[in-house]
Structure formats: structure tokens, C-alpha cells
Amino acid sequence: MQLERAGYSTVSQALDFRPGHDFVHEMQAAVSSAARTIAVLSPAYAGSRFGEAEWRAAFAADPSGERGLLVPVRVQPCHPPGLLATRVYVDLVDVDEVSA
């Protein structure tokens, strides 16, 4: 993962949540301990049952965005849902991999 190569630690459901563990508990632990939350904006994320819960925790801790706890990154054409629509996002739509 690019972020880890750059020296950041990450938590990802696909890589870090193990079979038999409680998904919601793992998500709460990750959100609670994260220095930042990256919301990967796509139609699938906007339609996710748990995606909103993830970004709302970071939004609640930093409602004005001044601390930069929530970093939205748009990877597919979509409109950010709800209060997330007020956040400036990194736009990677139509950006080549090297530039991204």
C-alpha cells in the first residue's frame, strides 16, 4: 500500500479484520485510534451501510475540518453524501496512477 510505503500506518477491513472478529468492534477501534480517516469517495462507498459511520466519527471529532481528521479522496465520479459534501476532497478521478 502506498501510504505504508510513505511511512504511515493503516487499517483496512480487507487486510486487518480477521475472520471470527466483530466487524463493528474492529471498525470502532480503528476509528478511535486513527490520527486521520480517509474517506475513499465512490458510488460504492456512498452506498455502503458502514461507510457513513466511519466518516461521521472523524467528522464529529473535527466538525470544522480545521484539524484535518477527515480526508476525503474521490476515486470515481460521485457526489459526496450528506455533510461530507461540505468537505474539500482530493480528486483522483481521471488522474493517472503516477500523478495520483
N, C-alpha and C. Protein backbone atom coordinates (compact mmCIF):
# COMPACT_ATOMS: atom_id res chain seq x y z
N MET A 1 0.85 -1.18 0.00
CA MET A 1 0.00 0.00 0.00
C MET A 1 0.89 1.24 0.00
N GLN A 2 0.52 2.23 -0.78
CA GLN A 2 1.31 3.45 -0.94
C GLN A 2 1.50 4.21 0.37
N LEU A 3 0.47 4.31 1.17
CA LEU A 3 0.59 5.05 2.43
C LEU A 3 1.61 4.41 3.36
N GLU A 4 1.60 3.10 3.43
CA GLU A 4 2.55 2.41 4.30
C GLU A 4 3.97 2.57 3.78
N ARG A 5 4.15 2.55 2.47
CA ARG A 5 5.49 2.79 1.89
C ARG A 5 5.98 4.19 2.22
N ALA A 6 5.04 5.12 2.41
CA ALA A 6 5.41 6.51 2.75
C ALA A 6 5.60 6.69 4.26
N GLY A 7 5.46 5.61 5.04
CA GLY A 7 5.71 5.68 6.47
C GLY A 7 4.49 5.83 7.35
N TYR A 8 3.30 5.75 6.76
CA TYR A 8 2.06 5.85 7.54
C TYR A 8 1.59 4.44 7.91
N SER A 9 0.94 4.32 9.06
CA SER A 9 0.30 3.05 9.40
C SER A 9 -1.15 3.15 8.94
N THR A 10 -1.71 2.02 8.55
CA THR A 10 -3.08 2.00 8.04
C THR A 10 -3.85 0.84 8.66
N VAL A 11 -5.17 0.97 8.62
CA VAL A 11 -6.07 -0.12 8.99
C VAL A 11 -7.07 -0.25 7.85
N SER A 12 -7.17 -1.44 7.32
CA SER A 12 -8.07 -1.72 6.20
C SER A 12 -8.87 -2.97 6.53
N GLN A 13 -10.16 -2.93 6.28
CA GLN A 13 -11.00 -4.08 6.56
C GLN A 13 -10.48 -5.31 5.84
N ALA A 14 -10.16 -5.19 4.58
CA ALA A 14 -9.75 -6.34 3.78
C ALA A 14 -8.45 -6.97 4.30
N LEU A 15 -7.57 -6.16 4.84
CA LEU A 15 -6.27 -6.66 5.27
C LEU A 15 -6.15 -6.92 6.76
N ASP A 16 -6.91 -6.21 7.57
CA ASP A 16 -6.69 -6.24 9.02
C ASP A 16 -7.80 -6.87 9.85
N PHE A 17 -8.99 -6.99 9.33
CA PHE A 17 -10.09 -7.57 10.11
C PHE A 17 -10.11 -9.08 9.85
N ARG A 18 -9.96 -9.85 10.90
CA ARG A 18 -9.82 -11.30 10.79
C ARG A 18 -11.16 -12.02 10.96
N PRO A 19 -11.28 -13.18 10.29
CA PRO A 19 -12.49 -13.98 10.44
C PRO A 19 -12.75 -14.31 11.91
N GLY A 20 -13.99 -14.20 12.30
CA GLY A 20 -14.39 -14.50 13.67
C GLY A 20 -14.41 -13.29 14.58
N HIS A 21 -13.78 -12.20 14.17
CA HIS A 21 -13.78 -10.98 14.97
C HIS A 21 -15.05 -10.19 14.66
N ASP A 22 -15.41 -9.32 15.56
CA ASP A 22 -16.60 -8.49 15.39
C ASP A 22 -16.25 -7.28 14.52
N PHE A 23 -16.89 -7.18 13.36
CA PHE A 23 -16.60 -6.12 12.40
C PHE A 23 -16.82 -4.73 12.99
N VAL A 24 -17.94 -4.52 13.67
CA VAL A 24 -18.25 -3.21 14.22
C VAL A 24 -17.26 -2.83 15.32
N HIS A 25 -16.89 -3.79 16.15
CA HIS A 25 -15.89 -3.52 17.19
C HIS A 25 -14.54 -3.14 16.55
N GLU A 26 -14.12 -3.87 15.54
CA GLU A 26 -12.86 -3.58 14.85
C GLU A 26 -12.91 -2.18 14.21
N MET A 27 -14.04 -1.84 13.62
CA MET A 27 -14.21 -0.54 12.99
C MET A 27 -14.13 0.57 14.05
N GLN A 28 -14.79 0.38 15.19
CA GLN A 28 -14.76 1.36 16.26
C GLN A 28 -13.34 1.54 16.80
N ALA A 29 -12.63 0.47 16.99
CA ALA A 29 -11.25 0.55 17.48
C ALA A 29 -10.37 1.29 16.47
N ALA A 30 -10.55 1.02 15.20
CA ALA A 30 -9.74 1.69 14.17
C ALA A 30 -10.04 3.18 14.11
N VAL A 31 -11.32 3.53 14.11
CA VAL A 31 -11.71 4.94 14.04
C VAL A 31 -11.26 5.69 15.29
N SER A 32 -11.35 5.05 16.44
CA SER A 32 -10.98 5.70 17.70
C SER A 32 -9.49 5.97 17.82
N SER A 33 -8.68 5.13 17.22
CA SER A 33 -7.23 5.27 17.35
C SER A 33 -6.58 5.98 16.17
N ALA A 34 -7.33 6.25 15.12
CA ALA A 34 -6.76 6.83 13.90
C ALA A 34 -6.42 8.31 14.08
N ALA A 35 -5.26 8.68 13.57
CA ALA A 35 -4.89 10.10 13.52
C ALA A 35 -5.69 10.81 12.43
N ARG A 36 -6.01 10.08 11.38
CA ARG A 36 -6.81 10.61 10.28
C ARG A 36 -7.68 9.49 9.73
N THR A 37 -8.81 9.86 9.15
CA THR A 37 -9.67 8.91 8.45
C THR A 37 -9.73 9.35 6.99
N ILE A 38 -9.42 8.42 6.10
CA ILE A 38 -9.53 8.70 4.67
C ILE A 38 -10.84 8.11 4.18
N ALA A 39 -11.70 8.97 3.66
CA ALA A 39 -12.95 8.52 3.05
C ALA A 39 -12.70 8.39 1.56
N VAL A 40 -12.70 7.18 1.03
CA VAL A 40 -12.43 6.92 -0.37
C VAL A 40 -13.75 7.03 -1.12
N LEU A 41 -13.99 8.19 -1.72
CA LEU A 41 -15.29 8.51 -2.30
C LEU A 41 -15.51 7.81 -3.64
N SER A 42 -16.58 7.04 -3.67
CA SER A 42 -17.02 6.32 -4.86
C SER A 42 -18.49 6.02 -4.68
N PRO A 43 -19.20 5.66 -5.75
CA PRO A 43 -20.61 5.27 -5.56
C PRO A 43 -20.77 4.11 -4.58
N ALA A 44 -19.85 3.16 -4.60
CA ALA A 44 -19.93 2.02 -3.68
C ALA A 44 -19.78 2.48 -2.24
N TYR A 45 -18.86 3.39 -1.98
CA TYR A 45 -18.66 3.89 -0.62
C TYR A 45 -19.89 4.66 -0.15
N ALA A 46 -20.44 5.48 -1.04
CA ALA A 46 -21.63 6.26 -0.68
C ALA A 46 -22.81 5.35 -0.36
N GLY A 47 -22.86 4.19 -0.99
CA GLY A 47 -23.95 3.25 -0.75
C GLY A 47 -23.66 2.23 0.34
N SER A 48 -22.47 2.29 0.91
CA SER A 48 -22.08 1.33 1.94
C SER A 48 -22.88 1.53 3.22
N ARG A 49 -23.26 0.45 3.85
CA ARG A 49 -24.00 0.55 5.11
C ARG A 49 -23.13 1.08 6.24
N PHE A 50 -21.83 0.89 6.17
CA PHE A 50 -20.95 1.29 7.26
C PHE A 50 -20.04 2.45 6.91
N GLY A 51 -19.93 2.81 5.64
CA GLY A 51 -19.05 3.90 5.23
C GLY A 51 -19.38 5.21 5.94
N GLU A 52 -20.66 5.52 6.04
CA GLU A 52 -21.05 6.77 6.70
C GLU A 52 -20.66 6.77 8.17
N ALA A 53 -20.82 5.65 8.84
CA ALA A 53 -20.44 5.59 10.26
C ALA A 53 -18.96 5.88 10.44
N GLU A 54 -18.14 5.42 9.51
CA GLU A 54 -16.70 5.64 9.60
C GLU A 54 -16.36 7.12 9.48
N TRP A 55 -16.89 7.78 8.44
CA TRP A 55 -16.51 9.18 8.26
C TRP A 55 -17.20 10.09 9.26
N ARG A 56 -18.39 9.70 9.75
CA ARG A 56 -19.08 10.54 10.73
C ARG A 56 -18.31 10.65 12.04
N ALA A 57 -17.62 9.59 12.44
CA ALA A 57 -16.84 9.64 13.68
C ALA A 57 -15.73 10.69 13.56
N ALA A 58 -15.04 10.71 12.42
CA ALA A 58 -13.99 11.72 12.21
C ALA A 58 -14.60 13.11 12.07
N PHE A 59 -15.74 13.20 11.41
CA PHE A 59 -16.43 14.49 11.24
C PHE A 59 -16.83 15.05 12.60
N ALA A 60 -17.37 14.21 13.46
CA ALA A 60 -17.81 14.65 14.78
C ALA A 60 -16.64 15.15 15.63
N ALA A 61 -15.48 14.54 15.48
CA ALA A 61 -14.31 14.95 16.24
C ALA A 61 -13.69 16.24 15.70
N ASP A 62 -14.03 16.60 14.46
CA ASP A 62 -13.45 17.78 13.82
C ASP A 62 -14.47 18.38 12.85
N PRO A 63 -15.58 18.92 13.39
CA PRO A 63 -16.67 19.37 12.51
C PRO A 63 -16.30 20.49 11.55
N SER A 64 -15.35 21.33 11.91
CA SER A 64 -14.96 22.42 11.01
C SER A 64 -13.89 21.99 10.01
N GLY A 65 -13.26 20.85 10.25
CA GLY A 65 -12.20 20.38 9.38
C GLY A 65 -10.85 21.01 9.64
N GLU A 66 -10.76 21.87 10.64
CA GLU A 66 -9.52 22.59 10.92
C GLU A 66 -8.36 21.67 11.30
N ARG A 67 -8.67 20.55 11.93
CA ARG A 67 -7.61 19.63 12.37
C ARG A 67 -7.25 18.59 11.31
N GLY A 68 -8.02 18.53 10.23
CA GLY A 68 -7.73 17.61 9.14
C GLY A 68 -7.90 16.15 9.49
N LEU A 69 -8.84 15.83 10.39
CA LEU A 69 -9.02 14.44 10.80
C LEU A 69 -9.71 13.60 9.75
N LEU A 70 -10.46 14.24 8.87
CA LEU A 70 -11.19 13.54 7.81
C LEU A 70 -10.66 14.02 6.47
N VAL A 71 -10.10 13.10 5.70
CA VAL A 71 -9.53 13.43 4.40
C VAL A 71 -10.30 12.68 3.32
N PRO A 72 -11.24 13.34 2.65
CA PRO A 72 -11.97 12.68 1.56
C PRO A 72 -11.11 12.63 0.29
N VAL A 73 -11.11 11.48 -0.36
CA VAL A 73 -10.38 11.28 -1.61
C VAL A 73 -11.35 10.67 -2.62
N ARG A 74 -11.66 11.42 -3.67
CA ARG A 74 -12.62 10.94 -4.68
C ARG A 74 -11.86 10.12 -5.72
N VAL A 75 -12.27 8.85 -5.90
CA VAL A 75 -11.60 7.95 -6.82
C VAL A 75 -12.47 7.56 -8.01
N GLN A 76 -13.77 7.83 -7.91
CA GLN A 76 -14.70 7.60 -9.00
C GLN A 76 -15.70 8.74 -9.02
N PRO A 77 -16.26 9.05 -10.19
CA PRO A 77 -17.26 10.12 -10.24
C PRO A 77 -18.41 9.84 -9.27
N CYS A 78 -18.69 10.79 -8.41
CA CYS A 78 -19.78 10.67 -7.45
C CYS A 78 -19.93 12.00 -6.74
N HIS A 79 -21.04 12.15 -6.04
CA HIS A 79 -21.29 13.33 -5.22
C HIS A 79 -21.21 12.89 -3.76
N PRO A 80 -20.32 13.48 -2.97
CA PRO A 80 -20.22 13.08 -1.57
C PRO A 80 -21.57 13.24 -0.87
N PRO A 81 -21.95 12.26 -0.06
CA PRO A 81 -23.25 12.29 0.60
C PRO A 81 -23.28 13.17 1.85
N GLY A 82 -24.45 13.67 2.17
CA GLY A 82 -24.70 14.36 3.43
C GLY A 82 -23.72 15.47 3.74
N LEU A 83 -23.33 15.54 5.00
CA LEU A 83 -22.41 16.58 5.45
C LEU A 83 -21.03 16.45 4.82
N LEU A 84 -20.72 15.28 4.29
CA LEU A 84 -19.44 15.09 3.63
C LEU A 84 -19.32 15.96 2.38
N ALA A 85 -20.45 16.38 1.85
CA ALA A 85 -20.46 17.24 0.66
C ALA A 85 -19.82 18.60 0.92
N THR A 86 -19.69 19.00 2.19
CA THR A 86 -19.11 20.30 2.51
C THR A 86 -17.59 20.27 2.56
N ARG A 87 -17.00 19.09 2.55
CA ARG A 87 -15.55 18.95 2.68
C ARG A 87 -14.87 19.03 1.32
N VAL A 88 -13.77 19.76 1.27
CA VAL A 88 -12.93 19.78 0.09
C VAL A 88 -12.25 18.42 0.02
N TYR A 89 -12.25 17.81 -1.16
CA TYR A 89 -11.65 16.48 -1.29
C TYR A 89 -10.49 16.48 -2.27
N VAL A 90 -9.61 15.51 -2.11
CA VAL A 90 -8.57 15.24 -3.09
C VAL A 90 -9.28 14.54 -4.24
N ASP A 91 -9.11 15.03 -5.45
CA ASP A 91 -9.81 14.46 -6.60
C ASP A 91 -8.85 13.67 -7.48
N LEU A 92 -8.98 12.36 -7.46
CA LEU A 92 -8.14 11.49 -8.27
C LEU A 92 -8.87 10.94 -9.50
N VAL A 93 -10.08 11.42 -9.74
CA VAL A 93 -10.83 10.98 -10.92
C VAL A 93 -10.08 11.49 -12.15
N ASP A 94 -9.85 10.60 -13.08
CA ASP A 94 -9.15 10.90 -14.34
C ASP A 94 -7.70 11.34 -14.14
N VAL A 95 -7.10 10.96 -13.01
CA VAL A 95 -5.69 11.24 -12.76
C VAL A 95 -4.92 9.93 -12.93
N ASP A 96 -3.81 9.96 -13.67
CA ASP A 96 -3.05 8.73 -13.88
C ASP A 96 -2.39 8.29 -12.57
N GLU A 97 -2.04 7.02 -12.52
CA GLU A 97 -1.52 6.42 -11.27
C GLU A 97 -0.26 7.11 -10.78
N VAL A 98 0.64 7.48 -11.67
CA VAL A 98 1.89 8.12 -11.26
C VAL A 98 1.60 9.46 -10.60
N SER A 99 0.72 10.25 -11.19
CA SER A 99 0.38 11.56 -10.61
C SER A 99 -0.36 11.42 -9.30
N ALA A 100 -1.25 10.42 -9.23
CA ALA A 100 -2.02 10.19 -8.01
C ALA A 100 -1.11 9.84 -6.88
